[in-house]
Amino acid sequence: QVQLVESGGGLVQPGRSLRLSCAASGSIGSIGAMGWYRQAPGKQRELVASITSGGTTDYQDSVKGRFTISRDNAKNTVHLQMNSLKPEDTAVYYCNAFTGGYYYWGQGTQVTVSS
């Protein structure tokens, strides 16, 4: 079993920054792609950003230039630096990792952008 634990969410004013972190633990082999998803109330869960084990990144158009995903393979962690936050970024953010042929999810962390 693999556990993913997110941290770093909270309430922030528009234009400010937050950094989300996700740590993987348990029976971990080699972790492939990792990513951050988000789900706003009444909406489907959507991919925000992803990163391969080699460091190749991909972003949803709405966050390009504002968010940066990174990972530390030695520590089995993935981070999401979120700058210039907007109210529409408000959602529960979930960490995702592919390892051992399965996708694993964290429990989610709430990000609220409001003045």
C-alpha atoms as a PDB file:
ATOM      1  CA  GLN A   1       0.000   0.000   0.000  1.00  0.00           C
ATOM      2  CA  VAL A   2       1.039   3.550  -0.731  1.00  0.00           C
ATOM      3  CA  GLN A   3      -0.097   6.562   1.222  1.00  0.00           C
ATOM      4  CA  LEU A   4      -0.060  10.125  -0.075  1.00  0.00           C
ATOM      5  CA  VAL A   5      -0.350  12.976   2.403  1.00  0.00           C
ATOM      6  CA  GLU A   6      -0.887  16.550   1.225  1.00  0.00           C
ATOM      7  CA  SER A   7      -0.132  19.704   3.164  1.00  0.00           C
ATOM      8  CA  GLY A   8       0.026  23.441   2.631  1.00  0.00           C
ATOM      9  CA  GLY A   9      -3.551  24.386   1.814  1.00  0.00           C
ATOM     10  CA  GLY A  10      -5.407  27.252   3.422  1.00  0.00           C
ATOM     11  CA  LEU A  11      -7.126  30.590   2.980  1.00  0.00           C
ATOM     12  CA  VAL A  12      -5.293  33.224   0.959  1.00  0.00           C
ATOM     13  CA  GLN A  13      -6.134  36.555  -0.630  1.00  0.00           C
ATOM     14  CA  PRO A  14      -6.211  36.956  -4.408  1.00  0.00           C
ATOM     15  CA  GLY A  15      -2.776  37.595  -5.858  1.00  0.00           C
ATOM     16  CA  ARG A  16      -0.964  35.822  -3.056  1.00  0.00           C
ATOM     17  CA  SER A  17       0.896  32.490  -3.113  1.00  0.00           C
ATOM     18  CA  LEU A  18       0.657  29.041  -1.574  1.00  0.00           C
ATOM     19  CA  ARG A  19       2.889  25.999  -1.795  1.00  0.00           C
ATOM     20  CA  LEU A  20       1.358  22.540  -1.634  1.00  0.00           C
ATOM     21  CA  SER A  21       3.387  19.477  -0.746  1.00  0.00           C
ATOM     22  CA  CYS A  22       2.676  15.785  -1.017  1.00  0.00           C
ATOM     23  CA  ALA A  23       4.707  13.003   0.570  1.00  0.00           C
ATOM     24  CA  ALA A  24       4.432   9.366  -0.478  1.00  0.00           C
ATOM     25  CA  SER A  25       5.091   6.567   1.982  1.00  0.00           C
ATOM     26  CA  GLY A  26       4.508   2.851   2.328  1.00  0.00           C
ATOM     27  CA  SER A  27       5.395   0.060  -0.073  1.00  0.00           C
ATOM     28  CA  ILE A  28       6.905   2.321  -2.691  1.00  0.00           C
ATOM     29  CA  GLY A  29       8.832   1.058  -5.623  1.00  0.00           C
ATOM     30  CA  SER A  30       9.672   3.390  -8.427  1.00  0.00           C
ATOM     31  CA  ILE A  31       7.133   6.186  -8.732  1.00  0.00           C
ATOM     32  CA  GLY A  32       6.216   7.178 -12.254  1.00  0.00           C
ATOM     33  CA  ALA A  33       4.170  10.231 -13.025  1.00  0.00           C
ATOM     34  CA  MET A  34       2.914  12.413 -10.181  1.00  0.00           C
ATOM     35  CA  GLY A  35       0.346  15.124 -10.404  1.00  0.00           C
ATOM     36  CA  TRP A  36      -1.995  17.570  -8.766  1.00  0.00           C
ATOM     37  CA  TYR A  37      -5.713  17.575  -9.426  1.00  0.00           C
ATOM     38  CA  ARG A  38      -8.404  19.836  -8.054  1.00  0.00           C
ATOM     39  CA  GLN A  39     -12.137  19.680  -7.587  1.00  0.00           C
ATOM     40  CA  ALA A  40     -14.311  22.716  -7.014  1.00  0.00           C
ATOM     41  CA  PRO A  41     -17.854  22.411  -5.610  1.00  0.00           C
ATOM     42  CA  GLY A  42     -20.242  21.132  -8.258  1.00  0.00           C
ATOM     43  CA  LYS A  43     -17.465  20.467 -10.744  1.00  0.00           C
ATOM     44  CA  GLN A  44     -15.543  17.433 -11.908  1.00  0.00           C
ATOM     45  CA  ARG A  45     -12.032  16.729 -10.710  1.00  0.00           C
ATOM     46  CA  GLU A  46      -9.510  18.158 -13.168  1.00  0.00           C
ATOM     47  CA  LEU A  47      -5.800  17.828 -13.768  1.00  0.00           C
ATOM     48  CA  VAL A  48      -3.857  20.920 -12.750  1.00  0.00           C
ATOM     49  CA  ALA A  49      -0.275  19.837 -13.366  1.00  0.00           C
ATOM     50  CA  SER A  50       1.757  16.682 -13.829  1.00  0.00           C
ATOM     51  CA  ILE A  51       5.413  15.707 -13.784  1.00  0.00           C
ATOM     52  CA  THR A  52       7.138  12.552 -14.983  1.00  0.00           C
ATOM     53  CA  SER A  53       9.928  10.799 -13.120  1.00  0.00           C
ATOM     54  CA  GLY A  54      12.313  12.469 -15.555  1.00  0.00           C
ATOM     55  CA  GLY A  55      10.991  15.929 -14.789  1.00  0.00           C
ATOM     56  CA  THR A  56       8.827  16.629 -17.832  1.00  0.00           C
ATOM     57  CA  THR A  57       5.938  18.848 -16.808  1.00  0.00           C
ATOM     58  CA  ASP A  58       2.511  19.645 -18.162  1.00  0.00           C
ATOM     59  CA  TYR A  59      -0.028  22.227 -17.007  1.00  0.00           C
ATOM     60  CA  GLN A  60      -3.661  23.079 -17.444  1.00  0.00           C
ATOM     61  CA  ASP A  61      -3.905  26.223 -19.573  1.00  0.00           C
ATOM     62  CA  SER A  62      -5.528  28.247 -16.802  1.00  0.00           C
ATOM     63  CA  VAL A  63      -2.503  27.862 -14.494  1.00  0.00           C
ATOM     64  CA  LYS A  64       0.347  28.165 -16.975  1.00  0.00           C
ATOM     65  CA  GLY A  65       2.767  30.865 -15.894  1.00  0.00           C
ATOM     66  CA  ARG A  66       1.341  30.935 -12.362  1.00  0.00           C
ATOM     67  CA  PHE A  67       1.831  27.402 -11.001  1.00  0.00           C
ATOM     68  CA  THR A  68       4.993  25.314 -10.923  1.00  0.00           C
ATOM     69  CA  ILE A  69       5.135  21.597 -10.184  1.00  0.00           C
ATOM     70  CA  SER A  70       8.331  19.975  -8.922  1.00  0.00           C
ATOM     71  CA  ARG A  71       9.368  16.701  -7.330  1.00  0.00           C
ATOM     72  CA  ASP A  72      12.148  15.181  -5.274  1.00  0.00           C
ATOM     73  CA  ASN A  73      12.542  11.556  -6.320  1.00  0.00           C
ATOM     74  CA  ALA A  74      14.859  10.755  -3.417  1.00  0.00           C
ATOM     75  CA  LYS A  75      12.249  11.930  -0.895  1.00  0.00           C
ATOM     76  CA  ASN A  76       9.180  10.747  -2.842  1.00  0.00           C
ATOM     77  CA  THR A  77       7.653  14.187  -2.666  1.00  0.00           C
ATOM     78  CA  VAL A  78       5.888  16.449  -5.136  1.00  0.00           C
ATOM     79  CA  HIS A  79       5.167  20.141  -4.726  1.00  0.00           C
ATOM     80  CA  LEU A  80       2.933  22.724  -6.344  1.00  0.00           C
ATOM     81  CA  GLN A  81       3.983  26.349  -6.093  1.00  0.00           C
ATOM     82  CA  MET A  82       0.927  28.489  -6.758  1.00  0.00           C
ATOM     83  CA  ASN A  83       1.452  32.188  -7.438  1.00  0.00           C
ATOM     84  CA  SER A  84      -0.949  34.966  -8.393  1.00  0.00           C
ATOM     85  CA  LEU A  85      -3.849  32.974  -7.018  1.00  0.00           C
ATOM     86  CA  LYS A  86      -7.347  33.775  -8.234  1.00  0.00           C
ATOM     87  CA  PRO A  87     -10.757  33.081  -6.660  1.00  0.00           C
ATOM     88  CA  GLU A  88     -11.396  30.525  -9.401  1.00  0.00           C
ATOM     89  CA  ASP A  89      -8.453  28.494  -8.079  1.00  0.00           C
ATOM     90  CA  THR A  90     -10.549  27.692  -5.005  1.00  0.00           C
ATOM     91  CA  ALA A  91     -10.918  23.920  -4.750  1.00  0.00           C
ATOM     92  CA  VAL A  92      -9.807  20.810  -2.928  1.00  0.00           C
ATOM     93  CA  TYR A  93      -6.410  19.867  -4.314  1.00  0.00           C
ATOM     94  CA  TYR A  94      -5.442  16.198  -4.564  1.00  0.00           C
ATOM     95  CA  CYS A  95      -2.048  14.605  -5.044  1.00  0.00           C
ATOM     96  CA  ASN A  96      -1.806  11.639  -7.403  1.00  0.00           C
ATOM     97  CA  ALA A  97       0.985   9.142  -8.032  1.00  0.00           C
ATOM     98  CA  PHE A  98       1.437   6.158 -10.327  1.00  0.00           C
ATOM     99  CA  THR A  99       3.456   3.292  -8.926  1.00  0.00           C
ATOM    100  CA  GLY A 100       3.358  -0.481  -9.032  1.00  0.00           C
ATOM    101  CA  GLY A 101       0.759  -0.392 -11.772  1.00  0.00           C
ATOM    102  CA  TYR A 102      -1.757   1.597  -9.718  1.00  0.00           C
ATOM    103  CA  TYR A 103      -2.791   5.205  -9.264  1.00  0.00           C
ATOM    104  CA  TYR A 104      -2.929   6.439  -5.692  1.00  0.00           C
ATOM    105  CA  TRP A 105      -4.655   9.521  -4.288  1.00  0.00           C
ATOM    106  CA  GLY A 106      -4.157  11.694  -1.267  1.00  0.00           C
ATOM    107  CA  GLN A 107      -7.002  12.822   0.961  1.00  0.00           C
ATOM    108  CA  GLY A 108      -7.015  16.342  -0.432  1.00  0.00           C
ATOM    109  CA  THR A 109      -6.229  19.772   0.947  1.00  0.00           C
ATOM    110  CA  GLN A 110      -8.537  22.777   0.729  1.00  0.00           C
ATOM    111  CA  VAL A 111      -7.345  25.922  -1.029  1.00  0.00           C
ATOM    112  CA  THR A 112      -9.591  28.962  -0.702  1.00  0.00           C
ATOM    113  CA  VAL A 113      -8.784  32.209  -2.489  1.00  0.00           C
ATOM    114  CA  SER A 114     -10.896  35.038  -1.165  1.00  0.00           C
ATOM    115  CA  SER A 115     -10.607  38.617   0.010  1.00  0.00           C
END
